[in-house]
């Protein structure tokens, strides 16, 4: 329970027991029934996770006292919940309280606009980025910018990234902390330091949409860190978080226009006017739940993801289906499944001879949801399967999903 909320996360006794007995499957089942009930198996939390029941209850409770008919009351309560969510985020990850945005893609569009205004000049600013960025992120920097793509080898070698920056002199570095394609963990702090040593004026932007809820946001050395509340935090769609450095706030006035001492944050990144203010109550509830679970959730997801990878590997081998996994540390393809030590919560696998989009579509009527990701790297035009392992899932339910996936492969045809 937080002092700001004055209320306890739903199922706190289960949460407390899980911290003491994280290997107890019965406790995880009880958590799932209480917080994530339903027959559907959502192994795509990296897109839109299933919101926890505590999140839904907080959003529904926001509208108590006939608040739908009380506009000023909505604004006041929304501001209070927004302040509470900011304070919870600052307590969890340090730094100044973040701005609460409408989502990662929208925040990046606003940041791109502010940077275009700041950098100006006759030549389009150069963005140093990777081939693993989400299309919603790169789209924000397509008009009015130039891009240089870091080779995959430089994503695990800060010195190589620094050498490229010395030759290219980028104005902006845009990198994911965890890639949405293959779940690779990028050493963004080290790469940012190397790039800044070569190009001191560079603005560093970290996309933590796939990271937040699994690892702390990489705030050190970044001018912006943007993230989603509806992925691994199990919060509501339509709200995200964004941290801006003192330098960014001072040099990009578009982002602080209209800011007040009461609101703080970074007003230019936040939603203005009438909108669904209950999402801030939902995000605060998600942060409460995340704080209560702590590292237990990450350990559970890692263990479950490694189990999922082994199970999928064995089943695909038995079915004679060619496949390769992606190493979350190096990003390289490998014949054997990754282990828990290298995983966060996502398993990515390529099936070269299979139409994986058809596989994903065929699973949906059965209430099983995985993600087909189209690779956009040079020379990599294939699609891959991305499966997430939310902490609350059980091996029995994941096995059911794997069984259905493997059974769907022969009917999906060749790519």
Protein backbone atom coordinates (compact mmCIF):
# COMPACT_ATOMS: atom_id res chain seq x y z
CA UNK A 1 0.00 0.00 0.00
CA UNK A 2 1.27 3.46 -0.83
CA UNK A 3 0.69 6.54 1.29
CA UNK A 4 -0.57 8.36 -1.81
CA UNK A 5 -3.24 5.79 -2.63
CA UNK A 6 -4.46 4.91 0.82
CA UNK A 7 -5.64 1.56 -0.49
CA UNK A 8 -4.12 -1.89 -0.92
CA UNK A 9 -3.58 -3.69 -4.23
CA UNK A 10 -6.17 -6.40 -4.79
CA UNK A 11 -5.01 -9.78 -3.55
CA UNK A 12 -2.21 -8.35 -1.37
CA UNK A 13 -2.07 -11.52 0.72
CA UNK A 14 -1.27 -13.51 -2.44
CA UNK A 15 1.37 -10.95 -3.44
CA UNK A 16 3.02 -11.16 -0.05
CA UNK A 17 3.03 -14.94 -0.17
CA UNK A 18 4.55 -14.91 -3.66
CA UNK A 19 7.47 -12.82 -2.47
CA UNK A 20 8.16 -15.49 0.14
CA UNK A 21 7.39 -18.52 -2.06
CA UNK A 22 7.97 -17.48 -5.71
CA UNK A 23 8.15 -21.10 -6.90
CA UNK A 24 4.66 -21.95 -5.65
CA UNK A 25 2.56 -22.59 -8.79
CA UNK A 26 -0.66 -22.55 -6.79
CA UNK A 27 0.02 -18.97 -5.73
CA UNK A 28 0.59 -17.88 -9.34
CA UNK A 29 -2.66 -19.59 -10.31
CA UNK A 30 -4.46 -17.69 -7.56
CA UNK A 31 -2.92 -14.45 -8.78
CA UNK A 32 -4.06 -15.17 -12.33
CA UNK A 33 -7.61 -15.97 -11.24
CA UNK A 34 -7.81 -12.78 -9.17
CA UNK A 35 -6.00 -10.35 -11.43
CA UNK A 36 -6.09 -11.87 -14.94
CA UNK A 37 -9.17 -14.11 -15.16
CA UNK A 38 -10.57 -15.45 -18.40
CA UNK A 39 -10.01 -18.30 -20.80
CA UNK A 40 -8.00 -16.38 -23.41
CA UNK A 41 -4.23 -16.89 -23.38
CA UNK A 42 -2.54 -13.61 -24.24
CA UNK A 43 1.09 -14.32 -25.10
CA UNK A 44 1.35 -10.93 -26.81
CA UNK A 45 1.82 -8.52 -23.88
CA UNK A 46 4.53 -6.78 -25.90
CA UNK A 47 1.69 -5.33 -28.02
CA UNK A 48 -1.24 -4.91 -25.65
CA UNK A 49 -1.14 -6.80 -22.37
CA UNK A 50 -4.18 -7.95 -20.44
CA UNK A 51 -4.91 -5.22 -17.87
CA UNK A 52 -4.98 -6.44 -14.28
CA UNK A 53 -8.32 -6.53 -12.48
CA UNK A 54 -6.94 -3.95 -10.05
CA UNK A 55 -6.39 -1.63 -13.01
CA UNK A 56 -9.92 -2.11 -14.30
CA UNK A 57 -11.38 -1.63 -10.83
CA UNK A 58 -9.41 1.60 -10.33
CA UNK A 59 -10.66 2.98 -13.64
CA UNK A 60 -14.23 2.03 -12.85
CA UNK A 61 -13.92 3.51 -9.35
CA UNK A 62 -12.64 6.77 -10.83
CA UNK A 63 -16.16 7.49 -12.04
CA UNK A 64 -17.83 7.13 -8.64
CA UNK A 65 -19.98 10.01 -7.35
CA UNK A 66 -21.57 10.51 -10.79
CA UNK A 67 -18.33 12.00 -12.05
CA UNK A 68 -19.54 11.59 -15.63
CA UNK A 69 -21.90 14.48 -14.92
CA UNK A 70 -19.31 16.61 -13.10
CA UNK A 71 -16.74 17.96 -15.60
CA UNK A 72 -14.65 19.92 -13.11
CA UNK A 73 -14.61 16.93 -10.80
CA UNK A 74 -13.19 14.79 -13.60
CA UNK A 75 -10.37 17.29 -14.13
CA UNK A 76 -9.57 17.57 -10.43
CA UNK A 77 -9.61 13.83 -9.81
CA UNK A 78 -7.64 13.24 -13.01
CA UNK A 79 -4.92 15.65 -11.87
CA UNK A 80 -4.73 13.96 -8.48
CA UNK A 81 -4.39 10.50 -10.04
CA UNK A 82 -1.83 11.81 -12.52
CA UNK A 83 0.28 13.23 -9.68
CA UNK A 84 -0.02 9.94 -7.81
CA UNK A 85 1.08 7.89 -10.82
CA UNK A 86 4.06 10.20 -11.41
CA UNK A 87 5.10 9.92 -7.77
CA UNK A 88 4.84 6.12 -7.90
CA UNK A 89 7.01 6.02 -11.04
CA UNK A 90 9.63 8.26 -9.43
CA UNK A 91 9.65 6.06 -6.33
CA UNK A 92 10.11 2.93 -8.45
CA UNK A 93 12.79 4.12 -10.85
CA UNK A 94 14.21 7.38 -9.53
CA UNK A 95 14.71 10.56 -11.47
CA UNK A 96 12.15 13.32 -11.75
CA UNK A 97 8.49 12.31 -12.00
CA UNK A 98 7.76 11.53 -15.67
CA UNK A 99 5.20 13.09 -17.93
CA UNK A 100 2.19 10.89 -18.59
CA UNK A 101 1.60 10.64 -22.32
CA UNK A 102 -0.99 9.17 -24.65
CA UNK A 103 1.55 6.49 -25.58
CA UNK A 104 5.05 5.95 -26.91
CA UNK A 105 4.37 6.67 -30.59
CA UNK A 106 2.51 9.89 -29.89
CA UNK A 107 5.21 11.08 -27.47
CA UNK A 108 7.88 10.44 -30.10
CA UNK A 109 5.95 12.45 -32.67
CA UNK A 110 5.88 15.40 -30.29
CA UNK A 111 9.59 15.01 -29.51
CA UNK A 112 10.42 14.82 -33.23
CA UNK A 113 8.48 18.02 -33.84
CA UNK A 114 10.32 19.80 -31.03
CA UNK A 115 13.69 18.60 -32.34
CA UNK A 116 12.89 19.75 -35.88
CA UNK A 117 12.15 23.20 -34.50
CA UNK A 118 15.32 23.21 -32.37
CA UNK A 119 17.78 21.82 -34.92
CA UNK A 120 16.42 23.64 -37.98
CA UNK A 121 19.02 24.50 -40.61
CA UNK A 122 19.08 23.80 -44.32
CA UNK A 123 20.15 20.18 -43.92
CA UNK A 124 17.85 17.57 -42.43
CA UNK A 125 19.12 16.40 -39.00
CA UNK A 126 20.73 12.97 -38.98
CA UNK A 127 19.20 10.22 -36.83
CA UNK A 128 21.43 7.29 -35.83
CA UNK A 129 19.18 4.32 -35.14
CA UNK A 130 18.82 0.55 -35.61
CA UNK A 131 16.92 -1.79 -37.87
CA UNK A 132 14.96 -3.06 -34.88
CA UNK A 133 12.95 0.05 -34.06
CA UNK A 134 9.17 -0.06 -33.98
CA UNK A 135 7.54 1.46 -37.09
CA UNK A 136 5.67 3.89 -34.84
CA UNK A 137 9.01 5.19 -33.59
CA UNK A 138 10.76 5.53 -36.93
CA UNK A 139 7.68 7.08 -38.55
CA UNK A 140 8.02 10.08 -36.25
CA UNK A 141 11.46 10.79 -37.73
CA UNK A 142 10.75 10.14 -41.40
CA UNK A 143 9.65 13.63 -42.52
CA UNK A 144 12.44 16.21 -42.27
CA UNK A 145 15.17 13.85 -41.01
CA UNK A 146 17.86 11.60 -42.48
CA UNK A 147 18.67 8.19 -41.00
CA UNK A 148 21.76 6.04 -40.66
CA UNK A 149 21.17 2.46 -39.51
CA UNK A 150 23.64 0.95 -37.08
CA UNK A 151 24.70 -2.57 -38.10
CA UNK A 152 23.55 -5.27 -35.73
CA UNK A 153 27.14 -5.84 -34.54
CA UNK A 154 27.28 -2.25 -33.23
CA UNK A 155 24.24 -2.89 -31.03
CA UNK A 156 26.45 -5.05 -28.81
CA UNK A 157 29.66 -3.05 -29.30
CA UNK A 158 29.51 0.54 -28.00
CA UNK A 159 32.96 1.29 -29.41
CA UNK A 160 31.76 0.39 -32.91
CA UNK A 161 28.71 2.61 -32.46
CA UNK A 162 30.97 5.42 -31.30
CA UNK A 163 33.18 5.04 -34.37
CA UNK A 164 30.14 5.31 -36.66
CA UNK A 165 28.97 8.38 -34.75
CA UNK A 166 32.42 9.99 -35.18
CA UNK A 167 32.13 9.54 -38.94
CA UNK A 168 28.47 10.52 -39.27
CA UNK A 169 28.08 13.19 -36.54
CA UNK A 170 24.41 12.44 -35.78
CA UNK A 171 22.09 14.99 -34.22
CA UNK A 172 19.88 12.30 -32.68
CA UNK A 173 20.41 8.77 -31.37
CA UNK A 174 17.22 6.70 -31.27
CA UNK A 175 17.46 3.19 -29.81
CA UNK A 176 15.20 0.68 -28.11
CA UNK A 177 16.27 -0.55 -24.70
CA UNK A 178 14.70 -3.91 -25.56
CA UNK A 179 13.85 -4.52 -29.22
CA UNK A 180 10.28 -5.27 -30.21
CA UNK A 181 11.44 -7.71 -32.88
CA UNK A 182 13.64 -10.28 -31.16
CA UNK A 183 13.64 -9.12 -27.53
CA UNK A 184 17.33 -8.20 -27.63
CA UNK A 185 18.55 -6.22 -24.63
CA UNK A 186 20.58 -3.30 -26.01
CA UNK A 187 23.31 -1.67 -23.82
CA UNK A 188 21.82 1.75 -24.50
CA UNK A 189 23.66 3.54 -21.67
CA UNK A 190 27.04 2.43 -22.96
CA UNK A 191 26.18 3.11 -26.60
CA UNK A 192 24.81 6.55 -25.70
CA UNK A 193 28.03 7.41 -23.84
CA UNK A 194 30.17 6.31 -26.81
CA UNK A 195 28.04 8.25 -29.31
CA UNK A 196 28.00 11.36 -27.16
CA UNK A 197 31.80 11.25 -26.83
CA UNK A 198 31.97 11.43 -30.63
CA UNK A 199 29.04 13.85 -31.10
CA UNK A 200 28.67 15.88 -27.88
CA UNK A 201 25.51 17.72 -28.97
CA UNK A 202 23.57 14.57 -29.83
CA UNK A 203 20.08 14.15 -28.38
CA UNK A 204 19.66 10.63 -27.00
CA UNK A 205 16.19 9.05 -27.17
CA UNK A 206 15.55 5.67 -25.56
CA UNK A 207 12.42 3.72 -26.49
CA UNK A 208 11.67 1.68 -23.37
CA UNK A 209 8.23 0.48 -24.49
CA UNK A 210 9.33 -3.19 -24.41
CA UNK A 211 11.48 -2.72 -21.31
CA UNK A 212 9.33 -0.98 -18.72
CA UNK A 213 7.90 -3.51 -16.30
CA UNK A 214 10.76 -5.93 -16.99
CA UNK A 215 13.84 -3.78 -16.34
CA UNK A 216 14.23 -0.21 -15.04
CA UNK A 217 14.15 2.49 -17.72
CA UNK A 218 17.63 3.53 -18.91
CA UNK A 219 17.47 7.11 -17.64
CA UNK A 220 21.22 7.71 -17.27
CA UNK A 221 22.65 9.61 -20.22
CA UNK A 222 19.32 9.93 -22.05
CA UNK A 223 17.58 13.14 -23.05
CA UNK A 224 14.30 11.31 -23.45
CA UNK A 225 13.03 7.93 -22.30
CA UNK A 226 9.58 7.01 -23.55
CA UNK A 227 7.58 3.96 -22.52
CA UNK A 228 4.14 2.37 -22.56
CA UNK A 229 1.85 1.62 -19.65
CA UNK A 230 -0.14 -1.04 -21.51
CA UNK A 231 2.58 -3.62 -22.10
CA UNK A 232 4.62 -5.27 -19.31
CA UNK A 233 3.07 -3.07 -16.61
CA UNK A 234 -0.36 -4.61 -17.42
CA UNK A 235 -1.89 -1.13 -17.35
CA UNK A 236 -4.60 0.47 -19.50
CA UNK A 237 -4.17 1.31 -23.18
CA UNK A 238 -3.93 5.01 -23.93
CA UNK A 239 -1.31 6.08 -21.39
CA UNK A 240 2.49 6.08 -21.39
CA UNK A 241 5.40 7.64 -19.52
CA UNK A 242 8.14 9.98 -20.72
CA UNK A 243 11.20 11.29 -18.92
CA UNK A 244 12.97 14.40 -20.21
CA UNK A 245 16.44 15.55 -19.13
CA UNK A 246 17.06 19.09 -17.82
CA UNK A 247 18.88 19.81 -21.07
CA UNK A 248 15.91 18.71 -23.17
CA UNK A 249 13.53 20.79 -21.09
CA UNK A 250 15.68 23.90 -21.34
CA UNK A 251 16.51 23.61 -25.05
CA UNK A 252 13.11 22.49 -26.35
CA UNK A 253 10.57 25.09 -25.20
CA UNK A 254 7.81 23.40 -27.20
CA UNK A 255 7.82 20.63 -24.59
CA UNK A 256 7.40 22.90 -21.58
CA UNK A 257 4.91 25.40 -23.01
CA UNK A 258 2.00 25.91 -20.63
CA UNK A 259 3.73 24.08 -17.79
CA UNK A 260 2.76 25.01 -14.24
CA UNK A 261 4.53 24.39 -10.96
CA UNK A 262 1.52 22.41 -9.78
CA UNK A 263 1.58 19.95 -12.67
CA UNK A 264 5.33 19.63 -13.23
CA UNK A 265 6.30 16.82 -15.59
CA UNK A 266 6.80 17.97 -19.17
CA UNK A 267 3.52 19.53 -20.18
CA UNK A 268 4.15 19.49 -23.92
CA UNK A 269 4.25 15.69 -23.87
CA UNK A 270 0.99 15.29 -22.00
CA UNK A 271 -2.52 15.05 -23.35
CA UNK A 272 -4.46 18.29 -23.27
CA UNK A 273 -8.17 18.99 -23.04
CA UNK A 274 -10.98 16.54 -22.36
CA UNK A 275 -10.07 12.87 -22.44
CA UNK A 276 -10.53 9.73 -20.38
CA UNK A 277 -8.89 10.80 -17.11
CA UNK A 278 -9.54 7.38 -15.57
CA UNK A 279 -6.45 5.99 -17.35
CA UNK A 280 -4.28 7.75 -14.74
CA UNK A 281 -6.03 5.85 -11.96
CA UNK A 282 -5.49 2.66 -13.96
CA UNK A 283 -1.80 3.40 -14.45
CA UNK A 284 -1.37 4.14 -10.75
CA UNK A 285 -2.97 0.78 -9.92
CA UNK A 286 -0.64 -0.95 -12.40
CA UNK A 287 2.38 0.71 -10.76
CA UNK A 288 1.10 -0.36 -7.33
CA UNK A 289 0.87 -3.95 -8.54
CA UNK A 290 4.31 -3.77 -10.14
CA UNK A 291 5.83 -2.44 -6.93
CA UNK A 292 4.16 -5.21 -4.94
CA UNK A 293 5.46 -7.98 -7.21
CA UNK A 294 8.96 -6.57 -7.63
CA UNK A 295 11.69 -8.87 -8.96
CA UNK A 296 9.55 -11.93 -8.32
CA UNK A 297 7.57 -11.20 -11.50
CA UNK A 298 10.68 -10.87 -13.67
CA UNK A 299 12.17 -14.11 -12.34
CA UNK A 300 8.89 -15.89 -12.98
CA UNK A 301 8.63 -14.54 -16.54
CA UNK A 302 12.23 -15.54 -17.29
CA UNK A 303 11.65 -19.06 -16.01
CA UNK A 304 8.38 -19.41 -17.90
CA UNK A 305 9.86 -17.98 -21.12
CA UNK A 306 12.76 -20.44 -20.98
CA UNK A 307 10.31 -23.30 -20.41
CA UNK A 308 8.17 -22.08 -23.32
CA UNK A 309 11.25 -21.95 -25.60
CA UNK A 310 12.26 -25.52 -24.69
CA UNK A 311 8.74 -26.85 -25.13
CA UNK A 312 8.34 -25.13 -28.50
CA UNK A 313 11.75 -26.35 -29.65
CA UNK A 314 10.98 -29.98 -28.78
CA UNK A 315 7.56 -29.88 -30.41
CA UNK A 316 8.83 -28.26 -33.62
CA UNK A 317 11.70 -30.75 -33.83
CA UNK A 318 9.28 -33.63 -33.42
CA UNK A 319 7.08 -32.19 -36.18
CA UNK A 320 10.07 -31.74 -38.49
CA UNK A 321 9.61 -27.95 -38.72
CA UNK A 322 12.80 -25.97 -39.38
CA UNK A 323 13.20 -23.10 -36.94
CA UNK A 324 15.73 -20.87 -35.22
CA UNK A 325 15.60 -18.81 -32.06
CA UNK A 326 17.11 -15.38 -31.50
CA UNK A 327 19.64 -14.87 -28.74
CA UNK A 328 18.39 -11.98 -26.56
CA UNK A 329 21.97 -10.93 -25.69
CA UNK A 330 23.68 -11.03 -29.09
CA UNK A 331 20.65 -10.84 -31.36
CA UNK A 332 22.03 -13.71 -33.42
CA UNK A 333 20.06 -16.69 -34.67
CA UNK A 334 20.73 -20.00 -32.94
CA UNK A 335 19.57 -23.59 -33.29
CA UNK A 336 18.89 -24.12 -29.59
CA UNK A 337 16.42 -22.23 -27.38
CA UNK A 338 17.72 -19.44 -25.13
CA UNK A 339 18.04 -20.07 -21.39
CA UNK A 340 16.51 -18.13 -18.52
CA UNK A 341 19.79 -16.33 -17.75
CA UNK A 342 19.67 -14.39 -21.01
CA UNK A 343 15.92 -13.93 -21.33
CA UNK A 344 13.63 -11.23 -20.01
CA UNK A 345 10.16 -12.45 -20.91
CA UNK A 346 10.03 -12.81 -24.70
CA UNK A 347 10.90 -15.65 -27.05
CA UNK A 348 11.35 -14.90 -30.76
CA UNK A 349 11.60 -17.67 -33.32
CA UNK A 350 11.73 -17.77 -37.10
CA UNK A 351 10.08 -20.53 -39.15
CA UNK A 352 11.63 -20.04 -42.61
CA UNK A 353 9.23 -22.29 -44.54
CA UNK A 354 6.02 -21.29 -42.75
CA UNK A 355 3.54 -18.47 -43.23
CA UNK A 356 3.66 -17.28 -39.62
CA UNK A 357 1.00 -14.64 -40.20
CA UNK A 358 -1.41 -17.43 -41.05
CA UNK A 359 -0.37 -19.28 -37.88
CA UNK A 360 -1.11 -16.23 -35.72
CA UNK A 361 -4.47 -15.66 -37.39
CA UNK A 362 -5.49 -19.31 -37.02
CA UNK A 363 -4.89 -19.25 -33.26
CA UNK A 364 -7.11 -16.28 -32.53
CA UNK A 365 -10.48 -18.09 -32.80
CA UNK A 366 -9.17 -20.49 -30.14
CA UNK A 367 -8.46 -17.57 -27.80
CA UNK A 368 -4.67 -17.83 -28.14
CA UNK A 369 -2.75 -14.71 -29.07
CA UNK A 370 0.87 -14.46 -30.25
CA UNK A 371 2.55 -11.85 -32.44
CA UNK A 372 3.84 -12.01 -36.00
CA UNK A 373 6.64 -9.46 -36.46
CA UNK A 374 7.90 -8.50 -39.89
CA UNK A 375 11.64 -7.92 -39.90
CA UNK A 376 12.69 -4.71 -41.59
CA UNK A 377 16.47 -5.11 -41.48
CA UNK A 378 18.39 -5.08 -44.75
CA UNK A 379 18.29 -8.56 -46.20
CA UNK A 380 15.80 -9.72 -43.53
CA UNK A 381 12.34 -9.59 -45.06
CA UNK A 382 10.98 -12.67 -43.34
CA UNK A 383 8.46 -12.71 -40.50
CA UNK A 384 8.99 -14.21 -37.08
CA UNK A 385 6.90 -15.29 -34.14
CA UNK A 386 7.19 -13.38 -30.87
CA UNK A 387 5.77 -15.01 -27.74
CA UNK A 388 5.69 -13.29 -24.38
CA UNK A 389 5.51 -15.03 -21.02
CA UNK A 390 3.53 -12.92 -18.53
CA UNK A 391 4.38 -13.86 -14.97
CA UNK A 392 0.85 -14.93 -14.06
CA UNK A 393 0.54 -17.63 -16.74
CA UNK A 394 0.85 -21.35 -15.98
CA UNK A 395 2.85 -24.00 -17.77
CA UNK A 396 -0.40 -25.88 -18.46
CA UNK A 397 -1.92 -22.92 -20.31
CA UNK A 398 1.31 -22.15 -22.14
CA UNK A 399 1.58 -25.80 -23.19
CA UNK A 400 -1.94 -25.58 -24.59
CA UNK A 401 -0.88 -22.56 -26.64
CA UNK A 402 2.26 -24.31 -27.90
CA UNK A 403 0.25 -27.41 -28.84
CA UNK A 404 -2.17 -25.28 -30.84
CA UNK A 405 0.65 -23.35 -32.49
CA UNK A 406 2.51 -26.46 -33.64
CA UNK A 407 -0.73 -28.05 -34.82
CA UNK A 408 -1.43 -24.94 -36.92
CA UNK A 409 1.92 -25.01 -38.71
CA UNK A 410 1.13 -27.68 -41.34
CA UNK A 411 -2.08 -25.83 -42.29
CA UNK A 412 -0.33 -22.48 -42.64
CA UNK A 413 1.48 -23.50 -45.80
CA UNK A 414 4.77 -22.16 -47.03
CA UNK A 415 5.71 -18.52 -46.93
